[in-house]
Amino acid sequence: MVSSYHTLMDILYRGAMWLAGIALLLMVAVIPVGIFARYVMNSALSWPEPIAIMCMVTFTFIGAAVSYRAGSHIVVAMVTDRLPPALKKFSALLADLMMLAISVFIFWYSLQLCSELWQQPVAEFPLLTAGQTYLPLPVGSALTLLFIIEQIIAGPQHQRPVVMLGNSDA
């Protein structure tokens, strides 16, 4: 059971990593286009800024899930590093439970946000609605929830080969 859950999480992890990376690259490519059009061609384009914002939301929320599973998020461990092993384990579980609560909160309210804005059109993209542009919020928080559950059940995943992919220590 745990092995099949790891396999599913590995697939989701790789997909999320690719999605976040592509969103970041697209944002980095689109912003100079907008700057060039505005200041060199003297003709501002309407689409680069909303695309950059959608990409930023995507790589932030999807990338946060990837970062959580890889254990590469910002952590201040000054106190927990000095705790005895039993308290370290307890504090890690407590942190996971707090992350679980925060992720459930984000998931629930981002779903409500998406449903409220589902019919509101985006002026620059008539085919997209505002609710669709915010889909990375519930998707990213759902991924984070799945990764938190995996960590609670099986422990930290940052030393697994699929997670260390691209890591200089691998």
N, C-alpha and C. Protein backbone atom coordinates (compact mmCIF):
# COMPACT_ATOMS: atom_id res chain seq x y z
N MET A 1 0.83 -1.20 0.00
CA MET A 1 0.00 0.00 0.00
C MET A 1 0.87 1.25 0.00
N VAL A 2 1.83 1.32 0.91
CA VAL A 2 2.69 2.49 0.99
C VAL A 2 3.53 2.62 -0.28
N SER A 3 3.96 1.49 -0.83
CA SER A 3 4.76 1.50 -2.05
C SER A 3 3.98 2.08 -3.23
N SER A 4 2.72 1.71 -3.37
CA SER A 4 1.91 2.25 -4.46
C SER A 4 1.61 3.74 -4.24
N TYR A 5 1.46 4.13 -2.97
CA TYR A 5 1.25 5.56 -2.67
C TYR A 5 2.51 6.35 -3.02
N HIS A 6 3.69 5.80 -2.69
CA HIS A 6 4.96 6.44 -3.07
C HIS A 6 5.06 6.59 -4.58
N THR A 7 4.68 5.55 -5.31
CA THR A 7 4.75 5.60 -6.77
C THR A 7 3.84 6.69 -7.32
N LEU A 8 2.62 6.78 -6.80
CA LEU A 8 1.70 7.83 -7.23
C LEU A 8 2.25 9.21 -6.88
N MET A 9 2.79 9.34 -5.68
CA MET A 9 3.36 10.63 -5.27
C MET A 9 4.58 10.99 -6.11
N ASP A 10 5.37 10.00 -6.49
CA ASP A 10 6.52 10.26 -7.36
C ASP A 10 6.07 10.81 -8.71
N ILE A 11 5.00 10.23 -9.25
CA ILE A 11 4.47 10.70 -10.53
C ILE A 11 3.94 12.12 -10.40
N LEU A 12 3.16 12.37 -9.35
CA LEU A 12 2.64 13.72 -9.11
C LEU A 12 3.76 14.71 -8.86
N TYR A 13 4.77 14.28 -8.14
CA TYR A 13 5.91 15.14 -7.83
C TYR A 13 6.63 15.57 -9.11
N ARG A 14 6.93 14.59 -9.97
CA ARG A 14 7.61 14.92 -11.24
C ARG A 14 6.76 15.85 -12.10
N GLY A 15 5.47 15.54 -12.21
CA GLY A 15 4.58 16.39 -12.99
C GLY A 15 4.50 17.80 -12.44
N ALA A 16 4.39 17.91 -11.12
CA ALA A 16 4.33 19.23 -10.48
C ALA A 16 5.63 19.99 -10.68
N MET A 17 6.76 19.27 -10.60
CA MET A 17 8.05 19.94 -10.79
C MET A 17 8.15 20.49 -12.22
N TRP A 18 7.73 19.69 -13.19
CA TRP A 18 7.76 20.15 -14.58
C TRP A 18 6.81 21.33 -14.78
N LEU A 19 5.62 21.24 -14.24
CA LEU A 19 4.65 22.32 -14.40
C LEU A 19 5.16 23.62 -13.78
N ALA A 20 5.70 23.53 -12.58
CA ALA A 20 6.24 24.73 -11.92
C ALA A 20 7.42 25.30 -12.71
N GLY A 21 8.28 24.43 -13.20
CA GLY A 21 9.44 24.88 -13.98
C GLY A 21 9.03 25.54 -15.29
N ILE A 22 8.08 24.95 -15.98
CA ILE A 22 7.60 25.54 -17.24
C ILE A 22 6.93 26.89 -16.98
N ALA A 23 6.16 26.98 -15.90
CA ALA A 23 5.52 28.25 -15.56
C ALA A 23 6.56 29.32 -15.27
N LEU A 24 7.62 28.96 -14.57
CA LEU A 24 8.68 29.93 -14.27
C LEU A 24 9.39 30.36 -15.55
N LEU A 25 9.72 29.41 -16.41
CA LEU A 25 10.37 29.75 -17.67
C LEU A 25 9.49 30.62 -18.55
N LEU A 26 8.21 30.30 -18.61
CA LEU A 26 7.28 31.09 -19.41
C LEU A 26 7.17 32.52 -18.87
N MET A 27 7.12 32.65 -17.56
CA MET A 27 7.06 33.98 -16.97
C MET A 27 8.32 34.78 -17.30
N VAL A 28 9.47 34.13 -17.19
CA VAL A 28 10.73 34.81 -17.48
C VAL A 28 10.81 35.21 -18.95
N ALA A 29 10.18 34.45 -19.83
CA ALA A 29 10.20 34.77 -21.26
C ALA A 29 9.19 35.87 -21.62
N VAL A 30 8.05 35.89 -20.93
CA VAL A 30 6.97 36.81 -21.28
C VAL A 30 7.25 38.24 -20.79
N ILE A 31 7.83 38.37 -19.63
CA ILE A 31 8.05 39.72 -19.08
C ILE A 31 8.93 40.57 -19.99
N PRO A 32 10.06 40.07 -20.51
CA PRO A 32 10.85 40.91 -21.42
C PRO A 32 10.10 41.28 -22.71
N VAL A 33 9.20 40.41 -23.17
CA VAL A 33 8.39 40.74 -24.35
C VAL A 33 7.54 41.97 -24.07
N GLY A 34 6.91 41.99 -22.90
CA GLY A 34 6.10 43.15 -22.52
C GLY A 34 6.93 44.40 -22.37
N ILE A 35 8.09 44.28 -21.79
CA ILE A 35 8.98 45.43 -21.61
C ILE A 35 9.45 45.94 -22.97
N PHE A 36 9.86 45.02 -23.84
CA PHE A 36 10.32 45.40 -25.18
C PHE A 36 9.21 46.11 -25.95
N ALA A 37 8.00 45.55 -25.92
CA ALA A 37 6.89 46.16 -26.65
C ALA A 37 6.56 47.55 -26.11
N ARG A 38 6.60 47.69 -24.80
CA ARG A 38 6.22 48.98 -24.20
C ARG A 38 7.28 50.06 -24.42
N TYR A 39 8.53 49.74 -24.17
CA TYR A 39 9.56 50.77 -24.16
C TYR A 39 10.35 50.90 -25.46
N VAL A 40 10.44 49.84 -26.23
CA VAL A 40 11.17 49.92 -27.49
C VAL A 40 10.22 50.17 -28.66
N MET A 41 9.14 49.39 -28.71
CA MET A 41 8.19 49.53 -29.80
C MET A 41 7.14 50.61 -29.52
N ASN A 42 7.09 51.11 -28.28
CA ASN A 42 6.14 52.14 -27.86
C ASN A 42 4.69 51.70 -28.10
N SER A 43 4.44 50.42 -27.89
CA SER A 43 3.11 49.86 -28.09
C SER A 43 2.90 48.77 -27.04
N ALA A 44 2.23 49.14 -25.97
CA ALA A 44 2.03 48.21 -24.86
C ALA A 44 1.10 47.07 -25.26
N LEU A 45 1.49 45.85 -24.92
CA LEU A 45 0.66 44.68 -25.14
C LEU A 45 -0.16 44.41 -23.88
N SER A 46 -1.37 43.89 -24.07
CA SER A 46 -2.23 43.67 -22.90
C SER A 46 -2.02 42.31 -22.26
N TRP A 47 -1.41 41.35 -22.95
CA TRP A 47 -1.36 39.98 -22.46
C TRP A 47 -0.14 39.59 -21.63
N PRO A 48 1.03 40.23 -21.74
CA PRO A 48 2.18 39.72 -20.96
C PRO A 48 1.99 39.76 -19.44
N GLU A 49 1.41 40.82 -18.93
CA GLU A 49 1.26 40.93 -17.47
C GLU A 49 0.32 39.86 -16.90
N PRO A 50 -0.89 39.66 -17.47
CA PRO A 50 -1.74 38.60 -16.91
C PRO A 50 -1.14 37.20 -17.07
N ILE A 51 -0.43 36.94 -18.17
CA ILE A 51 0.22 35.64 -18.32
C ILE A 51 1.30 35.48 -17.25
N ALA A 52 2.08 36.53 -17.03
CA ALA A 52 3.13 36.47 -16.01
C ALA A 52 2.53 36.23 -14.62
N ILE A 53 1.40 36.85 -14.34
CA ILE A 53 0.75 36.65 -13.04
C ILE A 53 0.24 35.22 -12.91
N MET A 54 -0.38 34.69 -13.96
CA MET A 54 -0.85 33.30 -13.91
C MET A 54 0.32 32.33 -13.72
N CYS A 55 1.41 32.61 -14.40
CA CYS A 55 2.60 31.76 -14.26
C CYS A 55 3.17 31.86 -12.84
N MET A 56 3.16 33.06 -12.28
CA MET A 56 3.69 33.24 -10.93
C MET A 56 2.83 32.49 -9.91
N VAL A 57 1.52 32.58 -10.06
CA VAL A 57 0.62 31.85 -9.16
C VAL A 57 0.86 30.35 -9.29
N THR A 58 1.04 29.90 -10.54
CA THR A 58 1.25 28.47 -10.78
C THR A 58 2.56 27.98 -10.15
N PHE A 59 3.67 28.67 -10.45
CA PHE A 59 4.93 28.16 -9.90
C PHE A 59 5.02 28.37 -8.40
N THR A 60 4.29 29.32 -7.86
CA THR A 60 4.31 29.52 -6.40
C THR A 60 3.59 28.37 -5.69
N PHE A 61 2.37 28.08 -6.09
CA PHE A 61 1.58 27.09 -5.36
C PHE A 61 1.95 25.66 -5.72
N ILE A 62 2.22 25.40 -6.98
CA ILE A 62 2.65 24.05 -7.37
C ILE A 62 4.08 23.82 -6.88
N GLY A 63 4.92 24.85 -7.03
CA GLY A 63 6.31 24.75 -6.56
C GLY A 63 6.41 24.60 -5.06
N ALA A 64 5.46 25.16 -4.32
CA ALA A 64 5.48 25.02 -2.86
C ALA A 64 5.26 23.56 -2.47
N ALA A 65 4.38 22.87 -3.18
CA ALA A 65 4.16 21.45 -2.91
C ALA A 65 5.42 20.65 -3.19
N VAL A 66 6.06 20.95 -4.32
CA VAL A 66 7.31 20.27 -4.69
C VAL A 66 8.38 20.53 -3.63
N SER A 67 8.48 21.76 -3.22
CA SER A 67 9.47 22.15 -2.21
C SER A 67 9.21 21.45 -0.89
N TYR A 68 7.94 21.31 -0.52
CA TYR A 68 7.62 20.63 0.74
C TYR A 68 8.07 19.17 0.70
N ARG A 69 7.76 18.49 -0.39
CA ARG A 69 8.14 17.07 -0.47
C ARG A 69 9.66 16.90 -0.49
N ALA A 70 10.34 17.82 -1.16
CA ALA A 70 11.79 17.72 -1.26
C ALA A 70 12.50 18.20 0.01
N GLY A 71 11.75 18.77 0.94
CA GLY A 71 12.36 19.28 2.17
C GLY A 71 13.25 20.48 1.92
N SER A 72 12.99 21.20 0.84
CA SER A 72 13.85 22.34 0.50
C SER A 72 13.20 23.68 0.82
N HIS A 73 12.15 23.67 1.59
CA HIS A 73 11.51 24.91 1.99
C HIS A 73 12.32 25.57 3.11
N ILE A 74 12.02 26.81 3.35
CA ILE A 74 12.72 27.55 4.40
C ILE A 74 12.29 27.00 5.75
N VAL A 75 13.26 26.73 6.58
CA VAL A 75 12.97 26.22 7.91
C VAL A 75 13.97 26.82 8.90
N VAL A 76 13.46 27.21 10.03
CA VAL A 76 14.32 27.69 11.11
C VAL A 76 14.36 26.57 12.14
N ALA A 77 15.49 25.90 12.23
CA ALA A 77 15.61 24.72 13.08
C ALA A 77 16.52 24.95 14.28
N MET A 78 16.71 26.21 14.64
CA MET A 78 17.61 26.53 15.74
C MET A 78 17.17 25.84 17.03
N VAL A 79 15.89 25.82 17.31
CA VAL A 79 15.40 25.21 18.55
C VAL A 79 15.28 23.70 18.39
N THR A 80 14.68 23.25 17.27
CA THR A 80 14.43 21.82 17.12
C THR A 80 15.72 21.01 16.97
N ASP A 81 16.77 21.61 16.46
CA ASP A 81 18.05 20.90 16.36
C ASP A 81 18.63 20.57 17.73
N ARG A 82 18.24 21.31 18.74
CA ARG A 82 18.79 21.12 20.08
C ARG A 82 17.90 20.24 20.96
N LEU A 83 16.79 19.77 20.41
CA LEU A 83 15.87 18.92 21.18
C LEU A 83 16.34 17.47 21.20
N PRO A 84 15.95 16.73 22.23
CA PRO A 84 16.23 15.29 22.23
C PRO A 84 15.42 14.61 21.11
N PRO A 85 15.84 13.43 20.67
CA PRO A 85 15.19 12.76 19.53
C PRO A 85 13.67 12.61 19.65
N ALA A 86 13.17 12.28 20.82
CA ALA A 86 11.72 12.10 20.98
C ALA A 86 10.97 13.41 20.75
N LEU A 87 11.53 14.50 21.28
CA LEU A 87 10.89 15.81 21.07
C LEU A 87 11.05 16.29 19.63
N LYS A 88 12.16 15.94 18.98
CA LYS A 88 12.33 16.27 17.56
C LYS A 88 11.24 15.62 16.73
N LYS A 89 10.99 14.34 17.03
CA LYS A 89 9.96 13.60 16.30
C LYS A 89 8.59 14.21 16.55
N PHE A 90 8.31 14.56 17.80
CA PHE A 90 7.04 15.18 18.14
C PHE A 90 6.89 16.53 17.45
N SER A 91 7.94 17.35 17.45
CA SER A 91 7.85 18.67 16.82
C SER A 91 7.69 18.55 15.31
N ALA A 92 8.29 17.52 14.70
CA ALA A 92 8.11 17.29 13.26
C ALA A 92 6.66 16.91 12.97
N LEU A 93 6.08 16.06 13.80
CA LEU A 93 4.68 15.67 13.63
C LEU A 93 3.77 16.87 13.83
N LEU A 94 4.06 17.67 14.84
CA LEU A 94 3.28 18.88 15.09
C LEU A 94 3.35 19.84 13.90
N ALA A 95 4.54 20.01 13.34
CA ALA A 95 4.69 20.87 12.16
C ALA A 95 3.89 20.31 10.98
N ASP A 96 3.94 18.99 10.80
CA ASP A 96 3.17 18.38 9.71
C ASP A 96 1.67 18.58 9.92
N LEU A 97 1.21 18.44 11.15
CA LEU A 97 -0.21 18.64 11.43
C LEU A 97 -0.64 20.09 11.21
N MET A 98 0.23 21.02 11.58
CA MET A 98 -0.08 22.44 11.32
C MET A 98 -0.09 22.72 9.82
N MET A 99 0.86 22.13 9.08
CA MET A 99 0.88 22.27 7.63
C MET A 99 -0.39 21.66 7.03
N LEU A 100 -0.82 20.55 7.58
CA LEU A 100 -2.05 19.90 7.12
C LEU A 100 -3.24 20.85 7.29
N ALA A 101 -3.33 21.47 8.46
CA ALA A 101 -4.43 22.40 8.73
C ALA A 101 -4.38 23.60 7.78
N ILE A 102 -3.20 24.16 7.57
CA ILE A 102 -3.06 25.30 6.67
C ILE A 102 -3.42 24.91 5.24
N SER A 103 -2.98 23.74 4.81
CA SER A 103 -3.26 23.29 3.45
C SER A 103 -4.75 23.02 3.25
N VAL A 104 -5.40 22.46 4.25
CA VAL A 104 -6.86 22.26 4.16
C VAL A 104 -7.56 23.60 4.05
N PHE A 105 -7.13 24.57 4.85
CA PHE A 105 -7.70 25.92 4.82
C PHE A 105 -7.54 26.54 3.43
N ILE A 106 -6.32 26.48 2.88
CA ILE A 106 -6.06 27.05 1.56
C ILE A 106 -6.88 26.31 0.50
N PHE A 107 -6.91 24.99 0.58
CA PHE A 107 -7.67 24.20 -0.38
C PHE A 107 -9.14 24.59 -0.38
N TRP A 108 -9.73 24.63 0.80
CA TRP A 108 -11.16 24.91 0.92
C TRP A 108 -11.50 26.30 0.39
N TYR A 109 -10.77 27.31 0.83
CA TYR A 109 -11.11 28.67 0.44
C TYR A 109 -10.70 28.98 -1.00
N SER A 110 -9.68 28.31 -1.51
CA SER A 110 -9.33 28.53 -2.91
C SER A 110 -10.36 27.85 -3.83
N LEU A 111 -10.91 26.73 -3.41
CA LEU A 111 -12.01 26.12 -4.17
C LEU A 111 -13.21 27.06 -4.22
N GLN A 112 -13.51 27.69 -3.09
CA GLN A 112 -14.61 28.65 -3.06
C GLN A 112 -14.31 29.84 -3.97
N LEU A 113 -13.07 30.31 -3.95
CA LEU A 113 -12.67 31.43 -4.80
C LEU A 113 -12.85 31.07 -6.27
N CYS A 114 -12.37 29.89 -6.65
CA CYS A 114 -12.49 29.45 -8.04
C CYS A 114 -13.95 29.33 -8.46
N SER A 115 -14.78 28.77 -7.59
CA SER A 115 -16.19 28.61 -7.95
C SER A 115 -16.90 29.97 -8.04
N GLU A 116 -16.54 30.91 -7.17
CA GLU A 116 -17.15 32.24 -7.22
C GLU A 116 -16.76 32.99 -8.49
N LEU A 117 -15.53 32.80 -8.95
CA LEU A 117 -15.03 33.53 -10.12
C LEU A 117 -15.09 32.72 -11.40
N TRP A 118 -15.72 31.54 -11.37
CA TRP A 118 -15.68 30.64 -12.52
C TRP A 118 -16.29 31.27 -13.77
N GLN A 119 -17.30 32.07 -13.63
CA GLN A 119 -17.97 32.66 -14.79
C GLN A 119 -17.45 34.05 -15.16
N GLN A 120 -16.60 34.62 -14.32
CA GLN A 120 -16.09 35.98 -14.58
C GLN A 120 -15.00 35.92 -15.65
N PRO A 121 -15.21 36.59 -16.78
CA PRO A 121 -14.22 36.51 -17.86
C PRO A 121 -12.96 37.33 -17.54
N VAL A 122 -11.88 36.93 -18.17
CA VAL A 122 -10.64 37.70 -18.10
C VAL A 122 -10.57 38.51 -19.38
N ALA A 123 -10.48 39.82 -19.27
CA ALA A 123 -10.56 40.70 -20.45
C ALA A 123 -9.50 40.38 -21.50
N GLU A 124 -8.28 40.08 -21.06
CA GLU A 124 -7.19 39.83 -21.99
C GLU A 124 -7.30 38.46 -22.66
N PHE A 125 -8.02 37.52 -22.03
CA PHE A 125 -8.18 36.16 -22.55
C PHE A 125 -9.65 35.77 -22.51
N PRO A 126 -10.38 36.01 -23.57
CA PRO A 126 -11.81 35.71 -23.54
C PRO A 126 -12.13 34.23 -23.34
N LEU A 127 -11.19 33.33 -23.63
CA LEU A 127 -11.44 31.91 -23.46
C LEU A 127 -11.26 31.44 -22.02
N LEU A 128 -10.61 32.26 -21.20
CA LEU A 128 -10.37 31.89 -19.80
C LEU A 128 -11.28 32.69 -18.88
N THR A 129 -11.63 32.07 -17.75
CA THR A 129 -12.35 32.80 -16.71
C THR A 129 -11.39 33.03 -15.54
N ALA A 130 -11.75 33.95 -14.69
CA ALA A 130 -10.90 34.25 -13.53
C ALA A 130 -10.79 33.02 -12.63
N GLY A 131 -11.85 32.26 -12.52
CA GLY A 131 -11.81 31.04 -11.71
C GLY A 131 -10.82 30.03 -12.24
N GLN A 132 -10.72 29.91 -13.55
CA GLN A 132 -9.77 28.99 -14.15
C GLN A 132 -8.33 29.45 -13.92
N THR A 133 -8.11 30.75 -13.90
CA THR A 133 -6.75 31.24 -13.69
C THR A 133 -6.26 31.00 -12.27
N TYR A 134 -7.19 30.83 -11.33
CA TYR A 134 -6.81 30.57 -9.94
C TYR A 134 -6.78 29.08 -9.59
N LEU A 135 -6.96 28.21 -10.56
CA LEU A 135 -6.93 26.76 -10.30
C LEU A 135 -5.62 26.26 -9.67
N PRO A 136 -4.47 26.89 -9.93
CA PRO A 136 -3.25 26.41 -9.27
C PRO A 136 -3.31 26.46 -7.74
N LEU A 137 -4.16 27.31 -7.17
CA LEU A 137 -4.26 27.37 -5.70
C LEU A 137 -4.83 26.08 -5.12
N PRO A 138 -6.02 25.63 -5.54
CA PRO A 138 -6.50 24.37 -4.96
C PRO A 138 -5.68 23.16 -5.42
N VAL A 139 -5.17 23.19 -6.64
CA VAL A 139 -4.36 22.06 -7.11
C VAL A 139 -3.07 21.97 -6.29
N GLY A 140 -2.39 23.10 -6.09
CA GLY A 140 -1.16 23.11 -5.31
C GLY A 140 -1.39 22.72 -3.87
N SER A 141 -2.48 23.19 -3.28
CA SER A 141 -2.74 22.82 -1.88
C SER A 141 -3.16 21.36 -1.78
N ALA A 142 -3.85 20.82 -2.78
CA ALA A 142 -4.19 19.39 -2.77
C ALA A 142 -2.92 18.54 -2.88
N LEU A 143 -2.00 18.95 -3.74
CA LEU A 143 -0.72 18.24 -3.83
C LEU A 143 0.03 18.29 -2.51
N THR A 144 0.03 19.47 -1.90
CA THR A 144 0.70 19.61 -0.61
C THR A 144 0.06 18.70 0.42
N LEU A 145 -1.27 18.62 0.42
CA LEU A 145 -1.97 17.72 1.34
C LEU A 145 -1.53 16.27 1.14
N LEU A 146 -1.46 15.84 -0.12
CA LEU A 146 -1.04 14.47 -0.40
C LEU A 146 0.40 14.22 0.06
N PHE A 147 1.27 15.21 -0.14
CA PHE A 147 2.66 15.06 0.28
C PHE A 147 2.79 15.08 1.80
N ILE A 148 1.94 15.84 2.47
CA ILE A 148 1.96 15.87 3.94
C ILE A 148 1.51 14.51 4.48
N ILE A 149 0.44 13.97 3.90
CA ILE A 149 -0.04 12.65 4.33
C ILE A 149 1.06 11.62 4.14
N GLU A 150 1.74 11.68 3.00
CA GLU A 150 2.85 10.76 2.75
C GLU A 150 3.94 10.90 3.81
N GLN A 151 4.26 12.13 4.16
CA GLN A 151 5.31 12.35 5.16
C GLN A 151 4.88 11.88 6.54
N ILE A 152 3.61 12.08 6.90
CA ILE A 152 3.13 11.61 8.20
C ILE A 152 3.17 10.08 8.26
N ILE A 153 2.78 9.43 7.17
CA ILE A 153 2.74 7.96 7.14
C ILE A 153 4.13 7.35 7.05
N ALA A 154 4.96 7.88 6.14
CA ALA A 154 6.23 7.21 5.81
C ALA A 154 7.47 8.02 6.16
N GLY A 155 7.32 9.18 6.73
CA GLY A 155 8.48 9.99 7.09
C GLY A 155 8.92 10.89 5.95
N PRO A 156 9.93 11.71 6.20
CA PRO A 156 10.41 12.64 5.17
C PRO A 156 10.85 11.92 3.90
N GLN A 157 10.63 12.57 2.77
CA GLN A 157 10.90 11.96 1.47
C GLN A 157 12.11 12.56 0.77
N HIS A 158 12.77 13.51 1.38
CA HIS A 158 13.83 14.24 0.69
C HIS A 158 15.07 13.41 0.38
N GLN A 159 15.22 12.22 0.95
CA GLN A 159 16.38 11.38 0.66
C GLN A 159 16.10 10.31 -0.40
N ARG A 160 14.87 10.27 -0.91
CA ARG A 160 14.53 9.28 -1.94
C ARG A 160 15.13 9.72 -3.27
N PRO A 161 15.56 8.78 -4.11
CA PRO A 161 16.23 9.13 -5.38
C PRO A 161 15.41 10.03 -6.29
N VAL A 162 14.10 9.81 -6.41
CA VAL A 162 13.29 10.63 -7.30
C VAL A 162 13.22 12.06 -6.81
N VAL A 163 13.26 12.26 -5.51
CA VAL A 163 13.19 13.60 -4.94
C VAL A 163 14.55 14.29 -5.02
N MET A 164 15.60 13.52 -4.97
CA MET A 164 16.96 14.10 -5.02
C MET A 164 17.41 14.36 -6.46
N LEU A 165 16.58 14.03 -7.44
CA LEU A 165 16.91 14.24 -8.84
C LEU A 165 17.34 15.69 -9.07
N GLY A 166 18.52 15.87 -9.57
CA GLY A 166 19.03 17.22 -9.81
C GLY A 166 19.75 17.82 -8.63
N ASN A 167 19.71 17.14 -7.49
CA ASN A 167 20.38 17.62 -6.30
C ASN A 167 21.89 17.34 -6.44
N SER A 168 22.71 18.25 -6.04
CA SER A 168 24.16 18.08 -6.17
C SER A 168 24.68 16.97 -5.25
N ASP A 169 23.89 16.61 -4.22
CA ASP A 169 24.32 15.55 -3.30
C ASP A 169 23.97 14.16 -3.83
N ALA A 170 23.15 14.09 -4.87
CA ALA A 170 22.69 12.79 -5.37
C ALA A 170 23.79 12.03 -6.08
